[in-house]
Protein backbone atom coordinates (compact mmCIF):
# COMPACT_ATOMS: atom_id res chain seq x y z
CA PRO A 1 39.72 -11.43 39.08
CA ASP A 2 42.57 -10.93 36.87
CA PRO A 3 44.50 -14.18 36.77
CA GLU A 4 47.88 -12.70 36.63
CA GLY A 5 47.27 -9.22 38.22
CA GLY A 6 48.20 -9.91 41.84
CA GLU A 7 51.26 -9.70 43.82
CA GLY A 8 53.83 -12.67 42.75
CA GLY A 9 52.09 -13.29 39.61
CA GLY A 10 48.93 -14.60 41.51
CA PRO A 11 45.32 -13.60 40.91
CA GLY A 12 44.37 -9.86 41.39
CA PRO A 13 41.49 -7.89 41.83
CA PRO A 14 38.64 -8.10 39.40
CA PHE A 15 38.80 -6.04 36.16
CA LEU A 16 36.45 -5.01 33.44
CA ALA A 17 37.76 -4.55 29.95
CA HIS A 18 37.16 -1.04 28.27
CA ALA A 19 37.31 -2.66 24.62
CA ILE A 20 37.87 -5.95 22.89
CA ILE A 21 40.44 -6.49 20.05
CA SER A 22 40.04 -9.64 18.47
CA ASN A 23 40.17 -11.48 14.87
CA PRO A 24 37.09 -13.21 13.26
CA PRO A 25 38.09 -16.91 13.99
CA VAL A 26 37.78 -16.20 17.86
CA TYR A 27 34.06 -17.01 17.59
CA GLY A 28 33.32 -15.59 21.02
CA HIS A 29 34.48 -11.89 20.39
CA HIS A 30 31.08 -10.25 19.59
CA HIS A 31 29.01 -12.25 22.19
CA VAL A 32 31.43 -11.40 24.96
CA ALA A 33 31.35 -7.63 23.90
CA GLU A 34 27.60 -7.79 23.74
CA ALA A 35 27.62 -9.23 27.34
CA LEU A 36 30.20 -6.78 28.69
CA GLY A 37 28.83 -3.75 26.90
CA VAL A 38 32.10 -2.80 25.57
CA PRO A 39 33.28 -1.68 22.06
CA LEU A 40 34.60 -4.30 19.81
CA HIS A 41 37.19 -3.80 17.05
CA LEU A 42 38.29 -6.69 14.62
CA MET A 43 41.67 -6.92 12.89
CA PHE A 44 42.79 -9.59 10.37
CA PRO A 45 45.39 -10.43 7.79
CA GLN A 46 42.60 -11.99 5.54
CA PRO A 47 39.57 -10.40 3.78
CA TRP A 48 36.56 -11.30 6.08
CA VAL A 49 34.00 -8.48 5.15
CA PRO A 50 31.74 -9.30 2.44
CA THR A 51 32.61 -7.51 -0.95
CA CYS A 52 31.71 -7.90 -4.72
CA ALA A 53 35.35 -7.42 -5.71
CA PHE A 54 36.78 -10.88 -4.69
CA PRO A 55 35.28 -14.10 -2.96
CA HIS A 56 35.88 -15.16 0.62
CA PRO A 57 39.53 -16.69 0.60
CA LEU A 58 37.97 -19.90 2.03
CA ALA A 59 34.89 -20.35 -0.09
CA CYS A 60 36.39 -20.61 -3.80
CA VAL A 61 39.02 -23.44 -3.94
CA ASP A 62 38.44 -25.52 -7.01
CA ASN A 63 39.59 -29.02 -5.53
CA LYS A 64 39.76 -30.61 -8.96
CA ARG A 65 42.12 -28.01 -10.33
CA LYS A 66 43.87 -27.34 -6.82
CA ARG A 67 43.38 -23.63 -7.35
CA PHE A 68 41.73 -20.53 -6.35
CA SER A 69 38.33 -20.28 -8.54
CA TYR A 70 37.37 -16.55 -8.64
CA LYS A 71 35.64 -13.98 -10.97
CA ARG A 72 37.78 -11.00 -11.80
CA GLU A 73 34.90 -8.95 -12.74
CA TRP A 74 32.59 -7.11 -10.24
CA SER A 75 30.26 -9.84 -9.02
CA ARG A 76 27.48 -10.26 -6.50
CA ARG A 77 28.58 -13.92 -6.23
CA ASN A 78 31.82 -12.95 -4.91
CA LYS A 79 30.05 -11.20 -1.99
CA TYR A 80 27.63 -14.22 -1.31
CA SER A 81 30.59 -16.31 -0.70
CA TYR A 82 30.87 -14.58 2.52
CA TYR A 83 27.65 -15.48 3.72
CA PHE A 84 28.08 -19.02 2.61
CA VAL A 85 31.18 -19.28 4.94
CA GLN A 86 29.44 -17.75 7.75
CA LYS A 87 26.60 -20.32 7.21
CA LEU A 88 29.14 -23.20 7.50
CA GLU A 89 30.73 -21.93 10.27
CA TRP A 90 27.24 -21.28 12.18
CA ALA A 91 26.22 -24.96 11.21
CA GLY A 92 29.44 -26.22 12.91
CA MET A 93 29.82 -23.84 15.77
CA GLY A 94 26.26 -22.43 16.30
CA ALA A 95 25.22 -25.23 19.04
CA LEU A 96 28.34 -24.53 21.09
CA LEU A 97 27.99 -20.61 20.62
CA ASN A 98 24.61 -20.79 21.86
CA THR A 99 25.58 -22.71 24.98
CA PHE A 100 28.37 -20.17 25.48
CA ARG A 101 25.78 -17.30 25.04
CA THR A 102 23.37 -18.56 27.65
CA ALA A 103 26.29 -19.23 30.05
CA ILE A 104 27.42 -15.56 29.73
CA GLY A 105 23.66 -14.38 30.31
CA LEU A 106 22.75 -13.79 26.73
CA LYS A 107 19.78 -15.25 24.71
CA ALA A 108 20.46 -18.09 22.27
CA VAL A 109 20.28 -17.03 18.45
CA PRO A 110 18.00 -19.09 16.30
CA ALA A 111 19.42 -20.35 13.07
CA LEU A 112 17.22 -18.12 11.30
CA GLU A 113 18.36 -14.94 13.00
CA MET A 114 22.19 -15.95 12.14
CA ASP A 115 22.29 -13.62 9.14
CA ARG A 116 21.03 -10.76 11.11
CA LEU A 117 23.45 -11.20 13.81
CA TYR A 118 26.49 -11.60 11.27
CA SER A 119 25.29 -8.33 9.39
CA SER A 120 24.98 -6.28 12.48
CA VAL A 121 28.64 -7.13 13.36
CA PHE A 122 30.09 -6.27 9.87
CA SER A 123 27.98 -2.91 9.68
CA LYS A 124 28.60 -1.60 13.00
CA VAL A 125 31.96 -3.01 14.11
CA PRO A 126 35.36 -1.18 13.10
CA PHE A 127 37.29 -3.62 10.99
CA VAL A 128 41.16 -3.42 10.00
CA HIS A 129 42.70 -5.54 7.19
CA MET A 130 46.16 -5.99 7.68
CA TRP A 131 47.71 -5.92 4.09
CA SER A 132 49.04 -3.13 1.80
CA PRO A 133 46.46 -1.38 -0.03
CA SER A 134 49.06 -0.85 -2.63
CA PHE A 135 48.79 -4.80 -3.31
CA VAL A 136 45.10 -5.24 -2.70
CA PRO A 137 43.16 -2.02 -2.47
CA LYS A 138 40.12 -1.57 -0.17
CA PRO A 139 36.90 -2.35 -2.15
CA PRO A 140 34.69 0.47 -2.95
CA ASP A 141 31.82 -1.22 -1.26
CA TRP A 142 33.52 -1.37 2.20
CA GLY A 143 31.86 1.46 4.43
CA PRO A 144 33.79 3.71 6.40
CA LEU A 145 34.19 1.52 9.44
CA VAL A 146 36.21 -1.10 7.39
CA ASP A 147 40.02 -0.18 6.17
CA VAL A 148 43.01 -1.36 4.77
CA VAL A 149 46.02 -0.12 6.77
CA GLY A 150 48.94 -2.24 5.80
CA ASN A 151 50.98 -5.02 7.09
CA PHE A 152 52.12 -5.45 10.63
CA PHE A 153 55.72 -6.64 11.11
CA SER A 154 57.33 -8.03 13.98
CA THR A 155 59.81 -5.67 15.88
CA LYS A 156 60.78 -8.44 18.35
CA LEU A 157 64.09 -7.76 19.80
CA GLU A 158 65.36 -11.28 19.21
CA ASP A 159 64.32 -11.03 15.42
CA ALA A 160 65.87 -7.77 15.07
CA LYS A 161 69.31 -8.95 16.44
CA TRP A 162 69.29 -12.27 14.62
CA ASP A 163 72.35 -13.48 13.29
CA PRO A 164 72.59 -16.04 10.77
CA PRO A 165 74.81 -19.09 11.57
CA GLU A 166 78.31 -18.73 10.36
CA ASP A 167 78.22 -21.36 7.66
CA LEU A 168 75.06 -19.80 6.25
CA ALA A 169 76.68 -16.48 6.18
CA GLU A 170 79.59 -17.61 4.48
CA TRP A 171 77.56 -19.76 1.88
CA LEU A 172 75.59 -16.70 1.24
CA THR A 173 78.60 -14.55 0.33
CA SER A 174 80.22 -17.29 -1.73
CA GLY A 175 78.28 -16.93 -4.77
CA THR A 176 75.41 -15.35 -6.41
CA LYS A 177 72.00 -14.38 -4.65
CA PRO A 178 69.80 -17.68 -4.06
CA ILE A 179 66.44 -18.43 -4.25
CA LEU A 180 64.44 -18.87 -1.09
CA ILE A 181 62.39 -21.88 -0.92
CA THR A 182 60.02 -22.13 2.33
CA PHE A 183 56.91 -23.86 3.07
CA GLY A 184 56.98 -23.00 6.60
CA SER A 185 54.59 -24.84 8.86
CA MET A 186 53.04 -26.91 6.12
CA LYS A 187 53.77 -31.04 6.29
CA PHE A 188 53.69 -33.26 3.58
CA ASP A 189 54.58 -37.11 3.01
CA ASN A 190 57.15 -36.76 0.27
CA ALA A 191 59.61 -34.59 1.83
CA SER A 192 62.69 -36.50 0.62
CA GLN A 193 61.12 -36.55 -3.02
CA LEU A 194 60.39 -33.03 -2.77
CA THR A 195 63.92 -32.09 -1.89
CA HIS A 196 65.44 -34.10 -4.58
CA LYS A 197 63.46 -32.22 -7.22
CA VAL A 198 64.67 -28.96 -5.69
CA TYR A 199 68.22 -30.26 -6.07
CA LYS A 200 67.77 -31.27 -9.55
CA ALA A 201 65.93 -27.88 -10.47
CA ALA A 202 68.95 -26.12 -8.96
CA VAL A 203 71.64 -27.79 -11.08
CA ARG A 204 69.23 -27.82 -14.22
CA THR A 205 68.87 -24.07 -14.00
CA GLY A 206 72.28 -23.13 -12.51
CA VAL A 207 70.91 -21.20 -9.63
CA ARG A 208 71.55 -21.33 -5.84
CA VAL A 209 69.08 -22.40 -3.69
CA LEU A 210 68.23 -21.51 -0.05
CA LEU A 211 65.98 -24.21 1.28
CA GLN A 212 64.33 -23.76 4.72
CA SER A 213 63.74 -27.19 6.30
CA GLY A 214 60.43 -26.38 8.36
CA TRP A 215 58.19 -28.53 9.64
CA SER A 216 58.57 -31.24 7.08
CA GLU A 217 62.44 -31.29 7.74
CA LEU A 218 63.52 -31.08 4.14
CA GLY A 219 66.94 -32.21 3.91
CA VAL A 220 69.85 -31.94 6.55
CA PRO A 221 71.05 -28.54 7.63
CA GLY A 222 73.92 -27.14 6.07
CA VAL A 223 75.54 -27.18 2.68
CA ASP A 224 74.36 -30.53 1.09
CA PRO A 225 77.22 -32.75 -0.28
CA ARG A 226 75.02 -33.96 -3.26
CA SER A 227 74.21 -30.41 -4.35
CA ARG A 228 76.70 -27.49 -3.41
CA GLY A 229 74.27 -25.03 -4.88
CA CYS A 230 71.85 -26.00 -2.07
CA PHE A 231 71.77 -24.72 1.32
CA ILE A 232 69.48 -26.30 4.23
CA MET A 233 68.76 -23.90 6.92
CA GLY A 234 66.64 -23.95 9.88
CA ARG A 235 64.37 -21.51 11.66
CA ALA A 236 65.14 -17.67 10.70
CA PRO A 237 62.85 -14.74 11.00
CA HIS A 238 60.48 -13.82 7.93
CA ASP A 239 61.94 -10.54 7.65
CA TRP A 240 65.37 -11.73 7.48
CA LEU A 241 64.55 -14.22 4.84
CA HIS A 242 62.68 -12.33 2.73
CA GLY A 243 52.41 -18.68 1.33
CA GLY A 244 50.48 -17.47 4.12
CA ALA A 245 49.97 -13.76 4.44
CA GLY A 246 53.22 -13.49 6.67
CA THR A 247 55.50 -14.87 4.36
CA THR A 248 53.99 -13.07 1.29
CA ALA A 249 54.11 -9.85 2.88
CA ALA A 250 57.73 -10.09 3.98
CA GLY A 251 58.69 -11.12 0.48
CA LEU A 252 56.60 -8.16 -1.20
CA ARG A 253 58.08 -5.88 1.42
CA CYS A 254 61.70 -6.46 -0.10
CA GLY A 255 60.52 -6.09 -3.58
CA LEU A 256 61.13 -9.72 -4.71
CA PRO A 257 59.40 -11.87 -6.91
CA THR A 258 56.94 -14.30 -5.11
CA PHE A 259 55.96 -17.60 -6.06
CA ILE A 260 53.22 -19.33 -4.03
CA CYS A 261 52.70 -23.22 -3.85
CA PRO A 262 49.26 -23.12 -1.99
CA PHE A 263 48.51 -25.81 0.47
CA PHE A 264 45.31 -24.55 1.84
CA GLY A 265 43.29 -21.75 3.47
CA ASP A 266 44.20 -18.11 2.44
CA GLN A 267 47.18 -19.54 0.60
CA HIS A 268 45.24 -19.77 -2.55
CA PHE A 269 43.82 -16.44 -2.25
CA TRP A 270 47.28 -14.55 -1.88
CA GLY A 271 48.79 -16.83 -4.80
CA GLU A 272 46.14 -15.43 -7.18
CA MET A 273 46.49 -11.72 -5.80
CA VAL A 274 50.42 -12.01 -6.22
CA HIS A 275 49.68 -13.02 -9.84
CA ARG A 276 46.98 -10.55 -10.58
CA ALA A 277 49.33 -7.73 -9.22
CA GLY A 278 52.07 -8.70 -11.67
CA LEU A 279 54.41 -9.63 -8.75
CA GLY A 280 55.12 -13.39 -9.40
CA PRO A 281 53.85 -16.26 -11.67
CA ALA A 282 50.51 -18.03 -11.17
CA PRO A 283 50.36 -20.20 -8.17
CA ARG A 284 50.93 -24.20 -8.37
CA PRO A 285 50.31 -26.72 -6.00
CA VAL A 286 53.44 -28.67 -4.93
CA SER A 287 52.24 -31.73 -6.45
CA ASP A 288 52.43 -30.12 -9.56
CA LEU A 289 55.83 -29.38 -9.49
CA THR A 290 58.77 -30.93 -11.60
CA ARG A 291 62.32 -30.66 -11.95
CA SER A 292 62.00 -28.54 -15.19
CA GLY A 293 59.26 -26.21 -13.89
């Protein structure tokens, strides 16, 4: 039964999905679609379909240099990286997924048939990639079922009507346009040390800095008495502020230079793509940052 489809928010009558829209890390999507016999449509803000144009964003991080290692030229090695990630996913999730398949009335998939299963998903399932084709164009080896359609931006009413705190609005109008520094949900141990570096760099360069405290709680919200050129702020919508795909898209949408300090995941990929497109400097991890650059 529908868990919320009844009167008063209680269970309602059974329903059958006409289609499934999902993203790749929801590992059960094509298994459920197969069991229900309904179409599947995948959508994601990171490249996930094999291509020779660039490697899988999770496959080519050079841990020694702490940067994304990829071949600029067209290379089959880039394409192989996607299958490598798939094999790692199956090694970690295969047993659980096969248990799930048998529970919903499907046959278990032997490890040797895993490639066939994934290939069928990428060749038969429509896949929408959610970034600007002007930024990273659709590779020519992606077929007609795979497309790059642009970024999706929030139209939530609370974001559209968001008003900055009075002290922030006053600070923004009291001087030159600031540089925004935000690490979002990234957490690290040396938050106070990094905040101190930001203060020193702002003084050294003579620029104003809007620093978002984020999950690492960088500084104390408001104008810091140790550096009048820095303002520490809390939560704010990405679109209002101008990383991961969301922060990168918001900055580029406003036509502003973007500098990415990657921590993990697709952040390395987007840092390299921004630099490759001439929209910002080469990415550098936070551990490499100094007061002078």
